[in-house]
Amino acid sequence: GDHPDPTILKDGDDYYMTFSSFYSYPGLIIWHST
């Protein structure tokens, strides 16, 4: 789905990512993965 311009951070054993949210508010949702 609509998750463009990914910016990803490695933080220890965790990964966090967020995306352009354009006109959607609340926005800039953080996503998590290991």
PDB file of all heavy atoms in Angstrom:
ATOM      1  N   GLY A   1       0.816  -1.201   0.000  1.00  0.00           N
ATOM      2  CA  GLY A   1       0.000   0.000   0.000  1.00  0.00           C
ATOM      3  C   GLY A   1       0.852   1.254   0.000  1.00  0.00           C
ATOM      4  O   GLY A   1       2.067   1.223  -0.205  1.00  0.00           O
ATOM      5  N   ASP A   2       0.218   2.369   0.247  1.00  0.00           N
ATOM      6  CA  ASP A   2       0.822   3.687   0.068  1.00  0.00           C
ATOM      7  C   ASP A   2       1.799   4.004   1.192  1.00  0.00           C
ATOM      8  O   ASP A   2       1.455   4.673   2.173  1.00  0.00           O
ATOM      9  CB  ASP A   2      -0.294   4.735   0.000  1.00  0.00           C
ATOM     10  CG  ASP A   2       0.219   6.107  -0.401  1.00  0.00           C
ATOM     11  OD1 ASP A   2       1.234   6.171  -1.112  1.00  0.00           O
ATOM     12  OD2 ASP A   2      -0.404   7.105  -0.001  1.00  0.00           O
ATOM     13  N   HIS A   3       3.040   3.539   1.063  1.00  0.00           N
ATOM     14  CA  HIS A   3       4.099   3.770   2.054  1.00  0.00           C
ATOM     15  C   HIS A   3       5.363   4.196   1.316  1.00  0.00           C
ATOM     16  O   HIS A   3       6.325   3.421   1.194  1.00  0.00           O
ATOM     17  CB  HIS A   3       4.335   2.518   2.892  1.00  0.00           C
ATOM     18  CG  HIS A   3       3.148   2.123   3.729  1.00  0.00           C
ATOM     19  ND1 HIS A   3       2.189   1.240   3.293  1.00  0.00           N
ATOM     20  CD2 HIS A   3       2.754   2.535   4.953  1.00  0.00           C
ATOM     21  CE1 HIS A   3       1.260   1.110   4.224  1.00  0.00           C
ATOM     22  NE2 HIS A   3       1.584   1.888   5.248  1.00  0.00           N
ATOM     23  N   PRO A   4       5.384   5.438   0.845  1.00  0.00           N
ATOM     24  CA  PRO A   4       6.506   5.903   0.025  1.00  0.00           C
ATOM     25  C   PRO A   4       7.625   6.545   0.843  1.00  0.00           C
ATOM     26  O   PRO A   4       7.457   6.856   2.018  1.00  0.00           O
ATOM     27  CB  PRO A   4       5.839   6.951  -0.865  1.00  0.00           C
ATOM     28  CG  PRO A   4       4.779   7.550   0.022  1.00  0.00           C
ATOM     29  CD  PRO A   4       4.299   6.428   0.913  1.00  0.00           C
ATOM     30  N   ASP A   5       8.761   6.724   0.179  1.00  0.00           N
ATOM     31  CA  ASP A   5       9.899   7.430   0.763  1.00  0.00           C
ATOM     32  C   ASP A   5      10.311   6.834   2.102  1.00  0.00           C
ATOM     33  O   ASP A   5      10.435   7.543   3.108  1.00  0.00           O
ATOM     34  CB  ASP A   5       9.573   8.921   0.942  1.00  0.00           C
ATOM     35  CG  ASP A   5       9.105   9.587  -0.330  1.00  0.00           C
ATOM     36  OD1 ASP A   5       9.684   9.301  -1.391  1.00  0.00           O
ATOM     37  OD2 ASP A   5       8.152  10.389  -0.272  1.00  0.00           O
ATOM     38  N   PRO A   6      10.536   5.521   2.171  1.00  0.00           N
ATOM     39  CA  PRO A   6      10.842   4.919   3.479  1.00  0.00           C
ATOM     40  C   PRO A   6      12.127   5.478   4.065  1.00  0.00           C
ATOM     41  O   PRO A   6      13.132   5.652   3.383  1.00  0.00           O
ATOM     42  CB  PRO A   6      10.987   3.425   3.149  1.00  0.00           C
ATOM     43  CG  PRO A   6      11.348   3.392   1.700  1.00  0.00           C
ATOM     44  CD  PRO A   6      10.617   4.536   1.078  1.00  0.00           C
ATOM     45  N   THR A   7      12.082   5.764   5.366  1.00  0.00           N
ATOM     46  CA  THR A   7      13.273   6.116   6.128  1.00  0.00           C
ATOM     47  C   THR A   7      13.371   5.106   7.263  1.00  0.00           C
ATOM     48  O   THR A   7      12.407   4.909   8.015  1.00  0.00           O
ATOM     49  CB  THR A   7      13.243   7.550   6.653  1.00  0.00           C
ATOM     50  OG1 THR A   7      14.357   7.764   7.534  1.00  0.00           O
ATOM     51  CG2 THR A   7      11.966   7.884   7.387  1.00  0.00           C
ATOM     52  N   ILE A   8      14.510   4.442   7.366  1.00  0.00           N
ATOM     53  CA  ILE A   8      14.633   3.283   8.250  1.00  0.00           C
ATOM     54  C   ILE A   8      15.806   3.470   9.196  1.00  0.00           C
ATOM     55  O   ILE A   8      16.851   3.999   8.823  1.00  0.00           O
ATOM     56  CB  ILE A   8      14.768   1.991   7.410  1.00  0.00           C
ATOM     57  CG1 ILE A   8      14.794   0.757   8.309  1.00  0.00           C
ATOM     58  CG2 ILE A   8      15.959   2.053   6.480  1.00  0.00           C
ATOM     59  CD1 ILE A   8      14.660  -0.551   7.536  1.00  0.00           C
ATOM     60  N   LEU A   9      15.599   3.024  10.436  1.00  0.00           N
ATOM     61  CA  LEU A   9      16.601   3.158  11.496  1.00  0.00           C
ATOM     62  C   LEU A   9      16.842   1.796  12.129  1.00  0.00           C
ATOM     63  O   LEU A   9      15.891   1.112  12.540  1.00  0.00           O
ATOM     64  CB  LEU A   9      16.092   4.147  12.556  1.00  0.00           C
ATOM     65  CG  LEU A   9      16.870   4.218  13.866  1.00  0.00           C
ATOM     66  CD1 LEU A   9      18.263   4.804  13.642  1.00  0.00           C
ATOM     67  CD2 LEU A   9      16.101   5.052  14.901  1.00  0.00           C
ATOM     68  N   LYS A  10      18.108   1.397  12.233  1.00  0.00           N
ATOM     69  CA  LYS A  10      18.489   0.210  13.015  1.00  0.00           C
ATOM     70  C   LYS A  10      18.853   0.676  14.410  1.00  0.00           C
ATOM     71  O   LYS A  10      19.746   1.510  14.581  1.00  0.00           O
ATOM     72  CB  LYS A  10      19.667  -0.511  12.361  1.00  0.00           C
ATOM     73  CG  LYS A  10      20.155  -1.732  13.137  1.00  0.00           C
ATOM     74  CD  LYS A  10      21.253  -2.472  12.376  1.00  0.00           C
ATOM     75  CE  LYS A  10      21.910  -3.567  13.214  1.00  0.00           C
ATOM     76  NZ  LYS A  10      20.981  -4.575  13.709  1.00  0.00           N
ATOM     77  N   ASP A  11      18.158   0.143  15.410  1.00  0.00           N
ATOM     78  CA  ASP A  11      18.342   0.559  16.797  1.00  0.00           C
ATOM     79  C   ASP A  11      18.551  -0.689  17.645  1.00  0.00           C
ATOM     80  O   ASP A  11      17.593  -1.266  18.158  1.00  0.00           O
ATOM     81  CB  ASP A  11      17.106   1.343  17.250  1.00  0.00           C
ATOM     82  CG  ASP A  11      17.278   1.968  18.625  1.00  0.00           C
ATOM     83  OD1 ASP A  11      18.431   2.152  19.054  1.00  0.00           O
ATOM     84  OD2 ASP A  11      16.250   2.279  19.263  1.00  0.00           O
ATOM     85  N   GLY A  12      19.800  -1.141  17.744  1.00  0.00           N
ATOM     86  CA  GLY A  12      20.074  -2.410  18.403  1.00  0.00           C
ATOM     87  C   GLY A  12      19.534  -3.552  17.564  1.00  0.00           C
ATOM     88  O   GLY A  12      19.842  -3.675  16.378  1.00  0.00           O
ATOM     89  N   ASP A  13      18.697  -4.392  18.170  1.00  0.00           N
ATOM     90  CA  ASP A  13      18.078  -5.499  17.445  1.00  0.00           C
ATOM     91  C   ASP A  13      16.759  -5.112  16.796  1.00  0.00           C
ATOM     92  O   ASP A  13      16.097  -5.961  16.184  1.00  0.00           O
ATOM     93  CB  ASP A  13      17.829  -6.674  18.405  1.00  0.00           C
ATOM     94  CG  ASP A  13      19.133  -7.278  18.927  1.00  0.00           C
ATOM     95  OD1 ASP A  13      20.139  -7.195  18.200  1.00  0.00           O
ATOM     96  OD2 ASP A  13      19.126  -7.812  20.052  1.00  0.00           O
ATOM     97  N   ASP A  14      16.371  -3.870  16.936  1.00  0.00           N
ATOM     98  CA  ASP A  14      15.089  -3.407  16.413  1.00  0.00           C
ATOM     99  C   ASP A  14      15.291  -2.516  15.196  1.00  0.00           C
ATOM    100  O   ASP A  14      16.305  -1.821  15.059  1.00  0.00           O
ATOM    101  CB  ASP A  14      14.328  -2.609  17.485  1.00  0.00           C
ATOM    102  CG  ASP A  14      13.963  -3.467  18.673  1.00  0.00           C
ATOM    103  OD1 ASP A  14      13.103  -4.345  18.512  1.00  0.00           O
ATOM    104  OD2 ASP A  14      14.548  -3.267  19.762  1.00  0.00           O
ATOM    105  N   TYR A  15      14.283  -2.531  14.332  1.00  0.00           N
ATOM    106  CA  TYR A  15      14.244  -1.639  13.178  1.00  0.00           C
ATOM    107  C   TYR A  15      12.963  -0.811  13.254  1.00  0.00           C
ATOM    108  O   TYR A  15      11.892  -1.327  13.614  1.00  0.00           O
ATOM    109  CB  TYR A  15      14.252  -2.433  11.867  1.00  0.00           C
ATOM    110  CG  TYR A  15      15.524  -3.210  11.648  1.00  0.00           C
ATOM    111  CD1 TYR A  15      15.655  -4.513  12.121  1.00  0.00           C
ATOM    112  CD2 TYR A  15      16.598  -2.647  10.964  1.00  0.00           C
ATOM    113  CE1 TYR A  15      16.830  -5.234  11.931  1.00  0.00           C
ATOM    114  CE2 TYR A  15      17.778  -3.353  10.768  1.00  0.00           C
ATOM    115  CZ  TYR A  15      17.883  -4.649  11.250  1.00  0.00           C
ATOM    116  OH  TYR A  15      19.045  -5.344  11.054  1.00  0.00           O
ATOM    117  N   TYR A  16      13.102   0.456  12.919  1.00  0.00           N
ATOM    118  CA  TYR A  16      11.950   1.357  12.880  1.00  0.00           C
ATOM    119  C   TYR A  16      11.924   2.057  11.527  1.00  0.00           C
ATOM    120  O   TYR A  16      12.974   2.371  10.950  1.00  0.00           O
ATOM    121  CB  TYR A  16      12.028   2.376  14.011  1.00  0.00           C
ATOM    122  CG  TYR A  16      11.986   1.741  15.382  1.00  0.00           C
ATOM    123  CD1 TYR A  16      13.161   1.568  16.125  1.00  0.00           C
ATOM    124  CD2 TYR A  16      10.790   1.284  15.915  1.00  0.00           C
ATOM    125  CE1 TYR A  16      13.127   0.966  17.374  1.00  0.00           C
ATOM    126  CE2 TYR A  16      10.750   0.674  17.167  1.00  0.00           C
ATOM    127  CZ  TYR A  16      11.923   0.521  17.887  1.00  0.00           C
ATOM    128  OH  TYR A  16      11.875  -0.089  19.120  1.00  0.00           O
ATOM    129  N   MET A  17      10.724   2.298  11.047  1.00  0.00           N
ATOM    130  CA  MET A  17      10.582   2.904   9.732  1.00  0.00           C
ATOM    131  C   MET A  17       9.340   3.789   9.724  1.00  0.00           C
ATOM    132  O   MET A  17       8.336   3.502  10.382  1.00  0.00           O
ATOM    133  CB  MET A  17      10.456   1.793   8.671  1.00  0.00           C
ATOM    134  CG  MET A  17      10.466   2.268   7.244  1.00  0.00           C
ATOM    135  SD  MET A  17      10.934   0.941   6.051  1.00  0.00           S
ATOM    136  CE  MET A  17       9.722  -0.327   6.390  1.00  0.00           C
ATOM    137  N   THR A  18       9.426   4.896   8.975  1.00  0.00           N
ATOM    138  CA  THR A  18       8.252   5.706   8.716  1.00  0.00           C
ATOM    139  C   THR A  18       8.322   6.202   7.281  1.00  0.00           C
ATOM    140  O   THR A  18       9.306   5.965   6.575  1.00  0.00           O
ATOM    141  CB  THR A  18       8.094   6.860   9.727  1.00  0.00           C
ATOM    142  OG1 THR A  18       6.803   7.451   9.557  1.00  0.00           O
ATOM    143  CG2 THR A  18       9.155   7.930   9.544  1.00  0.00           C
ATOM    144  N   PHE A  19       7.249   6.868   6.848  1.00  0.00           N
ATOM    145  CA  PHE A  19       7.047   7.167   5.439  1.00  0.00           C
ATOM    146  C   PHE A  19       6.426   8.551   5.277  1.00  0.00           C
ATOM    147  O   PHE A  19       5.892   9.123   6.233  1.00  0.00           O
ATOM    148  CB  PHE A  19       6.099   6.134   4.800  1.00  0.00           C
ATOM    149  CG  PHE A  19       6.397   4.717   5.183  1.00  0.00           C
ATOM    150  CD1 PHE A  19       5.811   4.133   6.293  1.00  0.00           C
ATOM    151  CD2 PHE A  19       7.278   3.961   4.440  1.00  0.00           C
ATOM    152  CE1 PHE A  19       6.090   2.824   6.659  1.00  0.00           C
ATOM    153  CE2 PHE A  19       7.578   2.651   4.790  1.00  0.00           C
ATOM    154  CZ  PHE A  19       6.978   2.084   5.907  1.00  0.00           C
ATOM    155  N   SER A  20       6.440   9.063   4.077  1.00  0.00           N
ATOM    156  CA  SER A  20       5.703  10.296   3.794  1.00  0.00           C
ATOM    157  C   SER A  20       4.222  10.071   4.101  1.00  0.00           C
ATOM    158  O   SER A  20       3.635   9.081   3.667  1.00  0.00           O
ATOM    159  CB  SER A  20       5.848  10.685   2.318  1.00  0.00           C
ATOM    160  OG  SER A  20       7.187  10.969   1.993  1.00  0.00           O
ATOM    161  N   SER A  21       3.616  10.995   4.831  1.00  0.00           N
ATOM    162  CA  SER A  21       2.199  10.834   5.173  1.00  0.00           C
ATOM    163  C   SER A  21       1.303  11.856   4.484  1.00  0.00           C
ATOM    164  O   SER A  21       0.074  11.794   4.615  1.00  0.00           O
ATOM    165  CB  SER A  21       2.000  10.904   6.688  1.00  0.00           C
ATOM    166  OG  SER A  21       2.529  12.108   7.220  1.00  0.00           O
ATOM    167  N   PHE A  22       1.894  12.819   3.758  1.00  0.00           N
ATOM    168  CA  PHE A  22       1.148  13.772   2.939  1.00  0.00           C
ATOM    169  C   PHE A  22       0.054  14.459   3.752  1.00  0.00           C
ATOM    170  O   PHE A  22       0.341  15.066   4.765  1.00  0.00           O
ATOM    171  CB  PHE A  22       0.616  13.076   1.682  1.00  0.00           C
ATOM    172  CG  PHE A  22       1.732  12.570   0.816  1.00  0.00           C
ATOM    173  CD1 PHE A  22       2.132  11.240   0.866  1.00  0.00           C
ATOM    174  CD2 PHE A  22       2.433  13.426  -0.003  1.00  0.00           C
ATOM    175  CE1 PHE A  22       3.184  10.780   0.103  1.00  0.00           C
ATOM    176  CE2 PHE A  22       3.498  12.981  -0.782  1.00  0.00           C
ATOM    177  CZ  PHE A  22       3.871  11.652  -0.721  1.00  0.00           C
ATOM    178  N   TYR A  23      -1.219  14.355   3.350  1.00  0.00           N
ATOM    179  CA  TYR A  23      -2.297  15.107   4.003  1.00  0.00           C
ATOM    180  C   TYR A  23      -3.015  14.317   5.098  1.00  0.00           C
ATOM    181  O   TYR A  23      -4.069  14.740   5.576  1.00  0.00           O
ATOM    182  CB  TYR A  23      -3.328  15.542   2.959  1.00  0.00           C
ATOM    183  CG  TYR A  23      -2.843  16.620   2.021  1.00  0.00           C
ATOM    184  CD1 TYR A  23      -2.459  16.309   0.728  1.00  0.00           C
ATOM    185  CD2 TYR A  23      -2.763  17.953   2.427  1.00  0.00           C
ATOM    186  CE1 TYR A  23      -2.020  17.302  -0.144  1.00  0.00           C
ATOM    187  CE2 TYR A  23      -2.325  18.947   1.564  1.00  0.00           C
ATOM    188  CZ  TYR A  23      -1.962  18.612   0.277  1.00  0.00           C
ATOM    189  OH  TYR A  23      -1.524  19.591  -0.584  1.00  0.00           O
ATOM    190  N   SER A  24      -2.493  13.157   5.484  1.00  0.00           N
ATOM    191  CA  SER A  24      -3.156  12.334   6.491  1.00  0.00           C
ATOM    192  C   SER A  24      -2.720  12.750   7.892  1.00  0.00           C
ATOM    193  O   SER A  24      -1.521  12.794   8.184  1.00  0.00           O
ATOM    194  CB  SER A  24      -2.835  10.852   6.268  1.00  0.00           C
ATOM    195  OG  SER A  24      -3.387  10.391   5.063  1.00  0.00           O
ATOM    196  N   TYR A  25      -3.716  13.013   8.741  1.00  0.00           N
ATOM    197  CA  TYR A  25      -3.445  13.383  10.137  1.00  0.00           C
ATOM    198  C   TYR A  25      -4.400  12.650  11.060  1.00  0.00           C
ATOM    199  O   TYR A  25      -5.582  12.555  10.759  1.00  0.00           O
ATOM    200  CB  TYR A  25      -3.605  14.900  10.330  1.00  0.00           C
ATOM    201  CG  TYR A  25      -2.473  15.693   9.743  1.00  0.00           C
ATOM    202  CD1 TYR A  25      -2.529  16.124   8.427  1.00  0.00           C
ATOM    203  CD2 TYR A  25      -1.339  15.990  10.478  1.00  0.00           C
ATOM    204  CE1 TYR A  25      -1.492  16.850   7.868  1.00  0.00           C
ATOM    205  CE2 TYR A  25      -0.293  16.709   9.930  1.00  0.00           C
ATOM    206  CZ  TYR A  25      -0.377  17.143   8.625  1.00  0.00           C
ATOM    207  OH  TYR A  25       0.663  17.857   8.074  1.00  0.00           O
ATOM    208  N   PRO A  26      -3.906  12.114  12.215  1.00  0.00           N
ATOM    209  CA  PRO A  26      -2.513  12.072  12.650  1.00  0.00           C
ATOM    210  C   PRO A  26      -1.644  11.349  11.627  1.00  0.00           C
ATOM    211  O   PRO A  26      -2.112  10.483  10.895  1.00  0.00           O
ATOM    212  CB  PRO A  26      -2.570  11.306  13.969  1.00  0.00           C
ATOM    213  CG  PRO A  26      -3.989  11.421  14.422  1.00  0.00           C
ATOM    214  CD  PRO A  26      -4.798  11.453  13.177  1.00  0.00           C
ATOM    215  N   GLY A  27      -0.342  11.694  11.615  1.00  0.00           N
ATOM    216  CA  GLY A  27       0.524  11.182  10.564  1.00  0.00           C
ATOM    217  C   GLY A  27       1.870  10.706  11.056  1.00  0.00           C
ATOM    218  O   GLY A  27       2.152  10.676  12.261  1.00  0.00           O
ATOM    219  N   LEU A  28       2.720  10.357  10.095  1.00  0.00           N
ATOM    220  CA  LEU A  28       4.072   9.845  10.345  1.00  0.00           C
ATOM    221  C   LEU A  28       4.039   8.694  11.348  1.00  0.00           C
ATOM    222  O   LEU A  28       4.564   8.763  12.457  1.00  0.00           O
ATOM    223  CB  LEU A  28       5.006  10.957  10.813  1.00  0.00           C
ATOM    224  CG  LEU A  28       5.332  12.022   9.765  1.00  0.00           C
ATOM    225  CD1 LEU A  28       6.287  13.061  10.340  1.00  0.00           C
ATOM    226  CD2 LEU A  28       5.938  11.398   8.512  1.00  0.00           C
ATOM    227  N   ILE A  29       3.419   7.602  10.933  1.00  0.00           N
ATOM    228  CA  ILE A  29       3.321   6.413  11.777  1.00  0.00           C
ATOM    229  C   ILE A  29       4.664   5.689  11.810  1.00  0.00           C
ATOM    230  O   ILE A  29       5.265   5.444  10.767  1.00  0.00           O
ATOM    231  CB  ILE A  29       2.234   5.460  11.245  1.00  0.00           C
ATOM    232  CG1 ILE A  29       0.885   6.178  11.161  1.00  0.00           C
ATOM    233  CG2 ILE A  29       2.127   4.223  12.119  1.00  0.00           C
ATOM    234  CD1 ILE A  29      -0.140   5.433  10.353  1.00  0.00           C
ATOM    235  N   ILE A  30       5.130   5.361  12.998  1.00  0.00           N
ATOM    236  CA  ILE A  30       6.324   4.540  13.168  1.00  0.00           C
ATOM    237  C   ILE A  30       5.922   3.068  13.029  1.00  0.00           C
ATOM    238  O   ILE A  30       4.955   2.616  13.643  1.00  0.00           O
ATOM    239  CB  ILE A  30       6.973   4.766  14.541  1.00  0.00           C
ATOM    240  CG1 ILE A  30       7.435   6.222  14.698  1.00  0.00           C
ATOM    241  CG2 ILE A  30       8.131   3.799  14.761  1.00  0.00           C
ATOM    242  CD1 ILE A  30       8.643   6.581  13.869  1.00  0.00           C
ATOM    243  N   TRP A  31       6.679   2.326  12.214  1.00  0.00           N
ATOM    244  CA  TRP A  31       6.509   0.873  12.078  1.00  0.00           C
ATOM    245  C   TRP A  31       7.738   0.179  12.666  1.00  0.00           C
ATOM    246  O   TRP A  31       8.842   0.730  12.662  1.00  0.00           O
ATOM    247  CB  TRP A  31       6.351   0.491  10.611  1.00  0.00           C
ATOM    248  CG  TRP A  31       5.032   0.910  10.019  1.00  0.00           C
ATOM    249  CD1 TRP A  31       4.595   2.191   9.805  1.00  0.00           C
ATOM    250  CD2 TRP A  31       3.996   0.050   9.556  1.00  0.00           C
ATOM    251  NE1 TRP A  31       3.345   2.175   9.245  1.00  0.00           N
ATOM    252  CE2 TRP A  31       2.951   0.883   9.075  1.00  0.00           C
ATOM    253  CE3 TRP A  31       3.840  -1.330   9.478  1.00  0.00           C
ATOM    254  CZ2 TRP A  31       1.767   0.362   8.539  1.00  0.00           C
ATOM    255  CZ3 TRP A  31       2.675  -1.857   8.953  1.00  0.00           C
ATOM    256  CH2 TRP A  31       1.648  -1.018   8.487  1.00  0.00           C
ATOM    257  N   HIS A  32       7.542  -1.056  13.159  1.00  0.00           N
ATOM    258  CA  HIS A  32       8.603  -1.788  13.858  1.00  0.00           C
ATOM    259  C   HIS A  32       8.789  -3.180  13.260  1.00  0.00           C
ATOM    260  O   HIS A  32       7.827  -3.833  12.839  1.00  0.00           O
ATOM    261  CB  HIS A  32       8.253  -1.928  15.345  1.00  0.00           C
ATOM    262  CG  HIS A  32       9.180  -2.839  16.099  1.00  0.00           C
ATOM    263  ND1 HIS A  32       8.831  -4.124  16.463  1.00  0.00           N
ATOM    264  CD2 HIS A  32      10.447  -2.645  16.539  1.00  0.00           C
ATOM    265  CE1 HIS A  32       9.842  -4.684  17.106  1.00  0.00           C
ATOM    266  NE2 HIS A  32      10.829  -3.816  17.176  1.00  0.00           N
ATOM    267  N   SER A  33      10.048  -3.642  13.244  1.00  0.00           N
ATOM    268  CA  SER A  33      10.368  -4.993  12.806  1.00  0.00           C
ATOM    269  C   SER A  33      11.633  -5.457  13.517  1.00  0.00           C
ATOM    270  O   SER A  33      12.444  -4.645  13.964  1.00  0.00           O
ATOM    271  CB  SER A  33      10.592  -5.029  11.285  1.00  0.00           C
ATOM    272  OG  SER A  33      11.010  -6.311  10.853  1.00  0.00           O
ATOM    273  N   THR A  34      11.795  -6.774  13.605  1.00  0.00           N
ATOM    274  CA  THR A  34      13.061  -7.339  14.066  1.00  0.00           C
ATOM    275  C   THR A  34      13.700  -8.221  13.001  1.00  0.00           C
ATOM    276  O   THR A  34      14.770  -8.794  13.235  1.00  0.00           O
ATOM    277  CB  THR A  34      12.862  -8.167  15.355  1.00  0.00           C
ATOM    278  OG1 THR A  34      11.803  -9.103  15.153  1.00  0.00           O
ATOM    279  CG2 THR A  34      12.532  -7.264  16.531  1.00  0.00           C
TER     280      THR A  34
END
